[in-house]
N, C-alpha and C. Protein backbone atom coordinates (compact mmCIF):
# COMPACT_ATOMS: atom_id res chain seq x y z
N MET A 1 20.90 6.00 27.19
CA MET A 1 19.55 6.30 26.76
C MET A 1 19.43 6.21 25.24
N GLU A 2 20.48 6.62 24.53
CA GLU A 2 20.43 6.58 23.07
C GLU A 2 20.35 5.14 22.56
N ILE A 3 21.00 4.23 23.26
CA ILE A 3 20.94 2.83 22.84
C ILE A 3 19.53 2.30 22.97
N LEU A 4 18.85 2.66 24.04
CA LEU A 4 17.47 2.23 24.25
C LEU A 4 16.56 2.78 23.16
N VAL A 5 16.74 4.04 22.80
CA VAL A 5 15.94 4.65 21.74
C VAL A 5 16.22 3.96 20.41
N THR A 6 17.49 3.66 20.14
CA THR A 6 17.86 2.96 18.91
C THR A 6 17.21 1.59 18.85
N LEU A 7 17.22 0.86 19.97
CA LEU A 7 16.58 -0.46 20.01
C LEU A 7 15.07 -0.35 19.81
N LEU A 8 14.45 0.64 20.43
CA LEU A 8 13.00 0.81 20.28
C LEU A 8 12.62 1.17 18.85
N ILE A 9 13.36 2.09 18.25
CA ILE A 9 13.09 2.47 16.87
C ILE A 9 13.36 1.29 15.94
N GLY A 10 14.45 0.55 16.19
CA GLY A 10 14.75 -0.62 15.38
C GLY A 10 13.68 -1.69 15.49
N ALA A 11 13.19 -1.92 16.72
CA ALA A 11 12.13 -2.91 16.91
C ALA A 11 10.86 -2.48 16.20
N ALA A 12 10.50 -1.20 16.31
CA ALA A 12 9.29 -0.71 15.65
C ALA A 12 9.43 -0.78 14.13
N ALA A 13 10.58 -0.39 13.62
CA ALA A 13 10.80 -0.42 12.17
C ALA A 13 10.81 -1.86 11.66
N GLY A 14 11.46 -2.75 12.38
CA GLY A 14 11.49 -4.16 11.98
C GLY A 14 10.12 -4.79 12.03
N TRP A 15 9.35 -4.47 13.09
CA TRP A 15 8.00 -5.01 13.21
C TRP A 15 7.12 -4.48 12.08
N LEU A 16 7.20 -3.18 11.81
CA LEU A 16 6.39 -2.59 10.74
C LEU A 16 6.77 -3.20 9.39
N GLY A 17 8.07 -3.37 9.16
CA GLY A 17 8.52 -3.98 7.91
C GLY A 17 8.03 -5.41 7.76
N SER A 18 8.02 -6.16 8.87
CA SER A 18 7.56 -7.55 8.79
C SER A 18 6.05 -7.63 8.63
N MET A 19 5.32 -6.62 9.12
CA MET A 19 3.87 -6.59 8.92
C MET A 19 3.53 -6.26 7.47
N ILE A 20 4.29 -5.35 6.88
CA ILE A 20 4.04 -4.97 5.49
C ILE A 20 4.50 -6.08 4.54
N TYR A 21 5.68 -6.63 4.82
CA TYR A 21 6.21 -7.71 3.99
C TYR A 21 5.87 -9.02 4.68
N ARG A 22 4.75 -9.56 4.36
CA ARG A 22 4.26 -10.79 5.00
C ARG A 22 5.23 -11.93 4.83
N GLY A 23 5.33 -12.76 5.85
CA GLY A 23 6.21 -13.91 5.80
C GLY A 23 7.63 -13.58 6.17
N GLY A 24 7.86 -12.36 6.62
CA GLY A 24 9.23 -11.96 6.94
C GLY A 24 9.49 -11.78 8.41
N GLY A 25 8.57 -12.21 9.28
CA GLY A 25 8.75 -12.03 10.71
C GLY A 25 9.89 -12.88 11.25
N LEU A 26 10.75 -12.28 12.04
CA LEU A 26 11.91 -12.98 12.56
C LEU A 26 11.93 -13.00 14.08
N GLY A 27 10.86 -12.63 14.73
CA GLY A 27 10.84 -12.56 16.18
C GLY A 27 11.34 -11.21 16.66
N LEU A 28 11.32 -11.01 17.97
CA LEU A 28 11.69 -9.70 18.53
C LEU A 28 13.14 -9.33 18.23
N LEU A 29 14.07 -10.22 18.52
CA LEU A 29 15.48 -9.92 18.29
C LEU A 29 15.77 -9.73 16.80
N GLY A 30 15.18 -10.58 15.98
CA GLY A 30 15.36 -10.45 14.53
C GLY A 30 14.79 -9.15 14.00
N ASN A 31 13.61 -8.75 14.51
CA ASN A 31 13.01 -7.48 14.10
C ASN A 31 13.89 -6.30 14.50
N ILE A 32 14.47 -6.35 15.69
CA ILE A 32 15.36 -5.27 16.13
C ILE A 32 16.57 -5.17 15.20
N ILE A 33 17.18 -6.31 14.91
CA ILE A 33 18.37 -6.31 14.04
C ILE A 33 18.02 -5.84 12.64
N VAL A 34 16.93 -6.39 12.08
CA VAL A 34 16.52 -6.00 10.73
C VAL A 34 16.13 -4.53 10.70
N GLY A 35 15.48 -4.05 11.76
CA GLY A 35 15.10 -2.63 11.81
C GLY A 35 16.29 -1.70 11.89
N ILE A 36 17.29 -2.06 12.69
CA ILE A 36 18.48 -1.21 12.81
C ILE A 36 19.28 -1.21 11.52
N VAL A 37 19.52 -2.40 10.96
CA VAL A 37 20.24 -2.47 9.69
C VAL A 37 19.40 -1.83 8.58
N GLY A 38 18.09 -2.04 8.64
CA GLY A 38 17.19 -1.43 7.67
C GLY A 38 17.22 0.08 7.72
N SER A 39 17.44 0.64 8.89
CA SER A 39 17.55 2.10 9.00
C SER A 39 18.74 2.62 8.20
N PHE A 40 19.87 1.92 8.32
CA PHE A 40 21.04 2.33 7.54
C PHE A 40 20.76 2.21 6.04
N VAL A 41 20.16 1.09 5.64
CA VAL A 41 19.84 0.88 4.23
C VAL A 41 18.83 1.92 3.75
N GLY A 42 17.81 2.17 4.56
CA GLY A 42 16.78 3.14 4.18
C GLY A 42 17.33 4.55 4.05
N TYR A 43 18.15 4.99 5.02
CA TYR A 43 18.73 6.33 4.94
C TYR A 43 19.67 6.45 3.74
N TRP A 44 20.42 5.40 3.45
CA TRP A 44 21.32 5.44 2.31
C TRP A 44 20.53 5.52 1.01
N LEU A 45 19.54 4.62 0.87
CA LEU A 45 18.77 4.55 -0.38
C LEU A 45 17.94 5.82 -0.59
N LEU A 46 17.23 6.25 0.44
CA LEU A 46 16.42 7.45 0.29
C LEU A 46 17.29 8.69 0.09
N GLY A 47 18.48 8.71 0.67
CA GLY A 47 19.41 9.82 0.44
C GLY A 47 19.86 9.87 -1.01
N LYS A 48 20.11 8.69 -1.59
CA LYS A 48 20.50 8.63 -3.01
C LYS A 48 19.38 9.11 -3.92
N LEU A 49 18.14 8.85 -3.51
CA LEU A 49 16.98 9.26 -4.31
C LEU A 49 16.54 10.69 -4.01
N GLY A 50 17.17 11.32 -3.01
CA GLY A 50 16.82 12.70 -2.66
C GLY A 50 15.51 12.81 -1.88
N ILE A 51 15.13 11.75 -1.18
CA ILE A 51 13.88 11.73 -0.42
C ILE A 51 14.22 11.82 1.06
N ASN A 52 13.49 12.68 1.79
CA ASN A 52 13.67 12.80 3.23
C ASN A 52 12.30 12.68 3.88
N LEU A 53 12.13 11.72 4.76
CA LEU A 53 10.85 11.51 5.43
C LEU A 53 10.74 12.32 6.72
N GLY A 54 11.70 13.17 6.98
CA GLY A 54 11.66 14.04 8.14
C GLY A 54 12.53 13.53 9.27
N ALA A 55 12.79 14.43 10.19
CA ALA A 55 13.58 14.09 11.36
C ALA A 55 12.62 13.77 12.50
N GLY A 56 13.04 12.91 13.37
CA GLY A 56 12.18 12.54 14.50
C GLY A 56 11.85 11.06 14.47
N TRP A 57 11.06 10.68 15.44
CA TRP A 57 10.74 9.26 15.62
C TRP A 57 9.99 8.67 14.43
N ILE A 58 8.98 9.36 13.95
CA ILE A 58 8.15 8.81 12.87
C ILE A 58 8.95 8.68 11.59
N GLY A 59 9.75 9.69 11.25
CA GLY A 59 10.60 9.61 10.07
C GLY A 59 11.61 8.49 10.16
N ALA A 60 12.19 8.32 11.37
CA ALA A 60 13.17 7.25 11.56
C ALA A 60 12.52 5.88 11.45
N ILE A 61 11.32 5.71 12.01
CA ILE A 61 10.64 4.43 11.93
C ILE A 61 10.23 4.11 10.50
N LEU A 62 9.71 5.10 9.78
CA LEU A 62 9.30 4.86 8.38
C LEU A 62 10.51 4.55 7.49
N THR A 63 11.59 5.29 7.70
CA THR A 63 12.80 5.03 6.92
C THR A 63 13.36 3.64 7.25
N GLY A 64 13.38 3.28 8.52
CA GLY A 64 13.83 1.95 8.93
C GLY A 64 12.94 0.85 8.39
N ALA A 65 11.64 1.11 8.34
CA ALA A 65 10.70 0.12 7.81
C ALA A 65 10.93 -0.11 6.32
N ILE A 66 11.20 0.96 5.58
CA ILE A 66 11.49 0.81 4.16
C ILE A 66 12.76 -0.03 3.96
N GLY A 67 13.79 0.27 4.74
CA GLY A 67 15.01 -0.52 4.67
C GLY A 67 14.78 -1.96 5.11
N ALA A 68 13.95 -2.15 6.14
CA ALA A 68 13.66 -3.50 6.63
C ALA A 68 12.92 -4.31 5.57
N ILE A 69 12.01 -3.68 4.85
CA ILE A 69 11.30 -4.37 3.78
C ILE A 69 12.28 -4.82 2.70
N ILE A 70 13.23 -3.96 2.36
CA ILE A 70 14.24 -4.32 1.36
C ILE A 70 15.08 -5.50 1.85
N ILE A 71 15.49 -5.45 3.12
CA ILE A 71 16.31 -6.53 3.67
C ILE A 71 15.50 -7.83 3.73
N LEU A 72 14.25 -7.77 4.17
CA LEU A 72 13.42 -8.97 4.23
C LEU A 72 13.20 -9.56 2.84
N PHE A 73 13.02 -8.70 1.84
CA PHE A 73 12.87 -9.17 0.47
C PHE A 73 14.12 -9.91 0.02
N LEU A 74 15.29 -9.32 0.30
CA LEU A 74 16.55 -9.97 -0.09
C LEU A 74 16.78 -11.27 0.67
N LEU A 75 16.44 -11.28 1.97
CA LEU A 75 16.59 -12.52 2.75
C LEU A 75 15.69 -13.63 2.22
N ASN A 76 14.47 -13.26 1.82
CA ASN A 76 13.57 -14.27 1.27
C ASN A 76 14.01 -14.75 -0.10
N LEU A 77 14.72 -13.91 -0.85
CA LEU A 77 15.28 -14.36 -2.12
C LEU A 77 16.42 -15.35 -1.89
N ILE A 78 17.25 -15.07 -0.90
CA ILE A 78 18.41 -15.90 -0.64
C ILE A 78 17.99 -17.21 0.03
N PHE A 79 17.15 -17.12 1.06
CA PHE A 79 16.75 -18.30 1.83
C PHE A 79 15.28 -18.62 1.58
N LYS A 80 14.97 -19.07 0.37
CA LYS A 80 13.59 -19.40 0.03
C LYS A 80 13.12 -20.59 0.84
N LYS A 81 11.88 -20.48 1.33
CA LYS A 81 11.25 -21.61 2.02
C LYS A 81 10.66 -22.54 0.98
N LYS A 82 10.86 -23.82 1.19
CA LYS A 82 10.34 -24.79 0.19
C LYS A 82 9.09 -25.43 0.68
């Protein structure tokens, strides 16, 4: 059950990140991966800054979305479309 929740939160965070950061949509599987990795990046970065968006689904999705935006920004820097 925890894996399903992780995938759902990752998909939501990745989708939200791709909606905020236009041009960063990677499809369903890409959004899940970016959302899950983005959650780790978001929790690490916000922890370093002393910011906590709360525990629960909404906090996890927002934190994952922030991390996903950072990852999408870096991916677009590395793999620029011509």
